[in-house]
Amino acid sequence: MTIPTNLQIAALGAALETFSRRYKMTDTGGLERALTEVDTQTLLYVGKHPGCGPTDVARFLRVAMTTISSATDRLVKRGLLERHRPEGDRRAVALRLSKAGEAHVAAQELAHHKMFLMMLERLEPDERDSFIAMIEKIAYSEG
């Protein structure tokens, strides 16, 4: 493989900046204050993995436990997340969405779906699979 040129790096940077501005997600949950990205990703993860622990979230998001502790504190105070103690281990913490958290996650997922649909509609059918494959290659490669 060859090393990307400075021109390619600059073109990618410009395209990603435009892409980020154009497709930036807004807080769709109707909250008075927007959530941080870590807070949103925590809710999305817990929504897909009810009963998971803070360590599971930290590992998935690749952030420090202190970051997740702060995020879960904020989310509990805002009424979006609940902490529970499992019967078998009173030291463990299980996380689950509150009703308000479920509504927020549903709104986020719907907004994501609409945004992804809009993005993919701009491409020809054969381009869509190639685009997705390239994004997956970048996203899932280690390093």
C-alpha atoms as a PDB file:
ATOM      1  CA  MET A   1       0.000   0.000   0.000  1.00  0.00           C
ATOM      2  CA  THR A   2       1.226   3.502  -0.728  1.00  0.00           C
ATOM      3  CA  ILE A   3       1.196   6.411   1.672  1.00  0.00           C
ATOM      4  CA  PRO A   4      -1.621   8.917   1.037  1.00  0.00           C
ATOM      5  CA  THR A   5      -0.494  12.213  -0.470  1.00  0.00           C
ATOM      6  CA  ASN A   6      -0.829  15.550   1.303  1.00  0.00           C
ATOM      7  CA  LEU A   7      -3.416  16.523  -1.318  1.00  0.00           C
ATOM      8  CA  GLN A   8      -5.492  13.426  -0.499  1.00  0.00           C
ATOM      9  CA  ILE A   9      -5.207  14.114   3.227  1.00  0.00           C
ATOM     10  CA  ALA A  10      -6.331  17.730   2.725  1.00  0.00           C
ATOM     11  CA  ALA A  11      -9.222  16.647   0.468  1.00  0.00           C
ATOM     12  CA  LEU A  12     -10.382  14.087   3.043  1.00  0.00           C
ATOM     13  CA  GLY A  13     -10.163  16.684   5.826  1.00  0.00           C
ATOM     14  CA  ALA A  14     -12.218  19.207   3.865  1.00  0.00           C
ATOM     15  CA  ALA A  15     -14.812  16.600   2.906  1.00  0.00           C
ATOM     16  CA  LEU A  16     -15.145  15.336   6.488  1.00  0.00           C
ATOM     17  CA  GLU A  17     -15.528  18.873   7.841  1.00  0.00           C
ATOM     18  CA  THR A  18     -18.317  19.550   5.337  1.00  0.00           C
ATOM     19  CA  PHE A  19     -19.820  16.143   6.041  1.00  0.00           C
ATOM     20  CA  SER A  20     -19.796  16.823   9.800  1.00  0.00           C
ATOM     21  CA  ARG A  21     -21.503  20.173   9.402  1.00  0.00           C
ATOM     22  CA  ARG A  22     -24.106  18.859   6.988  1.00  0.00           C
ATOM     23  CA  TYR A  23     -25.013  15.705   8.882  1.00  0.00           C
ATOM     24  CA  LYS A  24     -24.447  16.836  12.451  1.00  0.00           C
ATOM     25  CA  MET A  25     -26.953  15.238  14.741  1.00  0.00           C
ATOM     26  CA  THR A  26     -28.951  17.573  16.914  1.00  0.00           C
ATOM     27  CA  ASP A  27     -30.388  16.511  20.203  1.00  0.00           C
ATOM     28  CA  THR A  28     -33.681  14.946  19.169  1.00  0.00           C
ATOM     29  CA  GLY A  29     -34.951  14.052  22.599  1.00  0.00           C
ATOM     30  CA  GLY A  30     -36.663  17.320  23.387  1.00  0.00           C
ATOM     31  CA  LEU A  31     -34.423  17.925  26.397  1.00  0.00           C
ATOM     32  CA  GLU A  32     -33.796  21.455  27.595  1.00  0.00           C
ATOM     33  CA  ARG A  33     -30.029  20.857  27.499  1.00  0.00           C
ATOM     34  CA  ALA A  34     -28.303  18.766  24.859  1.00  0.00           C
ATOM     35  CA  LEU A  35     -26.454  15.651  25.936  1.00  0.00           C
ATOM     36  CA  THR A  36     -22.741  15.131  25.480  1.00  0.00           C
ATOM     37  CA  GLU A  37     -21.648  12.552  22.914  1.00  0.00           C
ATOM     38  CA  VAL A  38     -20.593  10.174  25.711  1.00  0.00           C
ATOM     39  CA  ASP A  39     -24.002  10.558  27.367  1.00  0.00           C
ATOM     40  CA  THR A  40     -25.807   9.828  24.095  1.00  0.00           C
ATOM     41  CA  GLN A  41     -23.609   6.823  23.298  1.00  0.00           C
ATOM     42  CA  THR A  42     -24.102   5.517  26.848  1.00  0.00           C
ATOM     43  CA  LEU A  43     -27.883   5.667  26.448  1.00  0.00           C
ATOM     44  CA  LEU A  44     -27.735   3.975  23.047  1.00  0.00           C
ATOM     45  CA  TYR A  45     -25.537   1.174  24.428  1.00  0.00           C
ATOM     46  CA  VAL A  46     -27.696   0.614  27.516  1.00  0.00           C
ATOM     47  CA  GLY A  47     -30.781   0.625  25.304  1.00  0.00           C
ATOM     48  CA  LYS A  48     -29.348  -2.294  23.331  1.00  0.00           C
ATOM     49  CA  HIS A  49     -27.911  -4.037  26.432  1.00  0.00           C
ATOM     50  CA  PRO A  50     -30.351  -3.572  29.339  1.00  0.00           C
ATOM     51  CA  GLY A  51     -28.887  -4.724  32.625  1.00  0.00           C
ATOM     52  CA  CYS A  52     -25.297  -4.124  31.540  1.00  0.00           C
ATOM     53  CA  GLY A  53     -22.814  -2.638  33.964  1.00  0.00           C
ATOM     54  CA  PRO A  54     -20.807   0.577  33.749  1.00  0.00           C
ATOM     55  CA  THR A  55     -17.677  -1.460  32.970  1.00  0.00           C
ATOM     56  CA  ASP A  56     -19.386  -2.914  29.889  1.00  0.00           C
ATOM     57  CA  VAL A  57     -20.219   0.588  28.659  1.00  0.00           C
ATOM     58  CA  ALA A  58     -16.700   1.889  29.315  1.00  0.00           C
ATOM     59  CA  ARG A  59     -15.151  -1.060  27.487  1.00  0.00           C
ATOM     60  CA  PHE A  60     -17.449  -0.656  24.476  1.00  0.00           C
ATOM     61  CA  LEU A  61     -16.938   3.111  24.212  1.00  0.00           C
ATOM     62  CA  ARG A  62     -13.211   2.761  25.000  1.00  0.00           C
ATOM     63  CA  VAL A  63     -13.306   5.401  27.711  1.00  0.00           C
ATOM     64  CA  ALA A  64     -12.153   5.470  31.338  1.00  0.00           C
ATOM     65  CA  MET A  65     -14.437   4.240  34.100  1.00  0.00           C
ATOM     66  CA  THR A  66     -14.388   7.727  35.618  1.00  0.00           C
ATOM     67  CA  THR A  67     -15.848   9.055  32.366  1.00  0.00           C
ATOM     68  CA  ILE A  68     -18.692   6.525  32.497  1.00  0.00           C
ATOM     69  CA  SER A  69     -19.267   7.159  36.196  1.00  0.00           C
ATOM     70  CA  SER A  70     -19.703  10.856  35.465  1.00  0.00           C
ATOM     71  CA  ALA A  71     -21.948  10.121  32.471  1.00  0.00           C
ATOM     72  CA  THR A  72     -24.182   7.735  34.410  1.00  0.00           C
ATOM     73  CA  ASP A  73     -24.422  10.250  37.281  1.00  0.00           C
ATOM     74  CA  ARG A  74     -25.577  12.956  34.845  1.00  0.00           C
ATOM     75  CA  LEU A  75     -28.026  10.627  33.111  1.00  0.00           C
ATOM     76  CA  VAL A  76     -29.540   9.396  36.391  1.00  0.00           C
ATOM     77  CA  LYS A  77     -29.956  12.998  37.606  1.00  0.00           C
ATOM     78  CA  ARG A  78     -31.696  13.874  34.335  1.00  0.00           C
ATOM     79  CA  GLY A  79     -34.063  10.938  34.723  1.00  0.00           C
ATOM     80  CA  LEU A  80     -32.880   9.084  31.607  1.00  0.00           C
ATOM     81  CA  LEU A  81     -31.053   6.178  33.231  1.00  0.00           C
ATOM     82  CA  GLU A  82     -31.670   3.965  36.267  1.00  0.00           C
ATOM     83  CA  ARG A  83     -29.189   2.024  38.393  1.00  0.00           C
ATOM     84  CA  HIS A  84     -30.184  -1.249  40.011  1.00  0.00           C
ATOM     85  CA  ARG A  85     -28.447  -3.751  42.258  1.00  0.00           C
ATOM     86  CA  PRO A  86     -28.720  -7.345  41.014  1.00  0.00           C
ATOM     87  CA  GLU A  87     -30.017  -9.803  43.618  1.00  0.00           C
ATOM     88  CA  GLY A  88     -26.984 -12.089  43.482  1.00  0.00           C
ATOM     89  CA  ASP A  89     -24.299  -9.397  43.829  1.00  0.00           C
ATOM     90  CA  ARG A  90     -25.080  -6.312  45.884  1.00  0.00           C
ATOM     91  CA  ARG A  91     -21.769  -4.704  44.847  1.00  0.00           C
ATOM     92  CA  ALA A  92     -22.633  -4.814  41.137  1.00  0.00           C
ATOM     93  CA  VAL A  93     -24.605  -2.142  39.312  1.00  0.00           C
ATOM     94  CA  ALA A  94     -27.002  -2.885  36.458  1.00  0.00           C
ATOM     95  CA  LEU A  95     -28.058  -0.065  34.158  1.00  0.00           C
ATOM     96  CA  ARG A  96     -31.318   0.344  32.300  1.00  0.00           C
ATOM     97  CA  LEU A  97     -33.166   3.152  30.597  1.00  0.00           C
ATOM     98  CA  SER A  98     -35.986   4.958  32.331  1.00  0.00           C
ATOM     99  CA  LYS A  99     -39.197   5.629  30.376  1.00  0.00           C
ATOM    100  CA  ALA A 100     -37.793   9.072  29.457  1.00  0.00           C
ATOM    101  CA  GLY A 101     -34.516   7.403  28.426  1.00  0.00           C
ATOM    102  CA  GLU A 102     -36.384   4.932  26.228  1.00  0.00           C
ATOM    103  CA  ALA A 103     -38.203   7.809  24.516  1.00  0.00           C
ATOM    104  CA  HIS A 104     -34.928   9.689  24.002  1.00  0.00           C
ATOM    105  CA  VAL A 105     -33.202   6.627  22.506  1.00  0.00           C
ATOM    106  CA  ALA A 106     -36.176   5.960  20.210  1.00  0.00           C
ATOM    107  CA  ALA A 107     -35.997   9.564  18.949  1.00  0.00           C
ATOM    108  CA  GLN A 108     -32.230   9.275  18.397  1.00  0.00           C
ATOM    109  CA  GLU A 109     -32.602   6.003  16.498  1.00  0.00           C
ATOM    110  CA  LEU A 110     -35.326   7.464  14.280  1.00  0.00           C
ATOM    111  CA  ALA A 111     -33.187  10.540  13.565  1.00  0.00           C
ATOM    112  CA  HIS A 112     -30.198   8.312  12.712  1.00  0.00           C
ATOM    113  CA  HIS A 113     -32.339   6.205  10.397  1.00  0.00           C
ATOM    114  CA  LYS A 114     -33.618   9.283   8.544  1.00  0.00           C
ATOM    115  CA  MET A 115     -30.111  10.735   8.257  1.00  0.00           C
ATOM    116  CA  PHE A 116     -28.595   7.470   6.967  1.00  0.00           C
ATOM    117  CA  LEU A 117     -31.445   7.100   4.467  1.00  0.00           C
ATOM    118  CA  MET A 118     -30.815  10.620   3.185  1.00  0.00           C
ATOM    119  CA  MET A 119     -27.088   9.900   2.821  1.00  0.00           C
ATOM    120  CA  LEU A 120     -27.535   6.622   0.980  1.00  0.00           C
ATOM    121  CA  GLU A 121     -30.240   7.964  -1.326  1.00  0.00           C
ATOM    122  CA  ARG A 122     -27.602  10.259  -2.876  1.00  0.00           C
ATOM    123  CA  LEU A 123     -25.649   7.214  -4.074  1.00  0.00           C
ATOM    124  CA  GLU A 124     -26.375   4.695  -6.791  1.00  0.00           C
ATOM    125  CA  PRO A 125     -27.313   1.229  -5.456  1.00  0.00           C
ATOM    126  CA  ASP A 126     -23.898  -0.289  -6.296  1.00  0.00           C
ATOM    127  CA  GLU A 127     -22.124   2.726  -4.748  1.00  0.00           C
ATOM    128  CA  ARG A 128     -23.983   2.211  -1.460  1.00  0.00           C
ATOM    129  CA  ASP A 129     -22.470  -1.213  -0.828  1.00  0.00           C
ATOM    130  CA  SER A 130     -18.992   0.061  -1.723  1.00  0.00           C
ATOM    131  CA  PHE A 131     -19.372   3.111   0.523  1.00  0.00           C
ATOM    132  CA  ILE A 132     -20.570   0.987   3.443  1.00  0.00           C
ATOM    133  CA  ALA A 133     -17.719  -1.486   2.917  1.00  0.00           C
ATOM    134  CA  MET A 134     -15.129   1.320   2.918  1.00  0.00           C
ATOM    135  CA  ILE A 135     -16.577   2.887   6.077  1.00  0.00           C
ATOM    136  CA  GLU A 136     -16.601  -0.529   7.773  1.00  0.00           C
ATOM    137  CA  LYS A 137     -12.997  -1.128   6.733  1.00  0.00           C
ATOM    138  CA  ILE A 138     -11.919   2.112   8.385  1.00  0.00           C
ATOM    139  CA  ALA A 139     -14.155   1.773  11.432  1.00  0.00           C
ATOM    140  CA  TYR A 140     -13.357  -1.838  12.295  1.00  0.00           C
ATOM    141  CA  SER A 141      -9.641  -1.989  11.540  1.00  0.00           C
ATOM    142  CA  GLU A 142      -7.346  -1.972  14.546  1.00  0.00           C
ATOM    143  CA  GLY A 143      -4.605   0.558  14.919  1.00  0.00           C
END
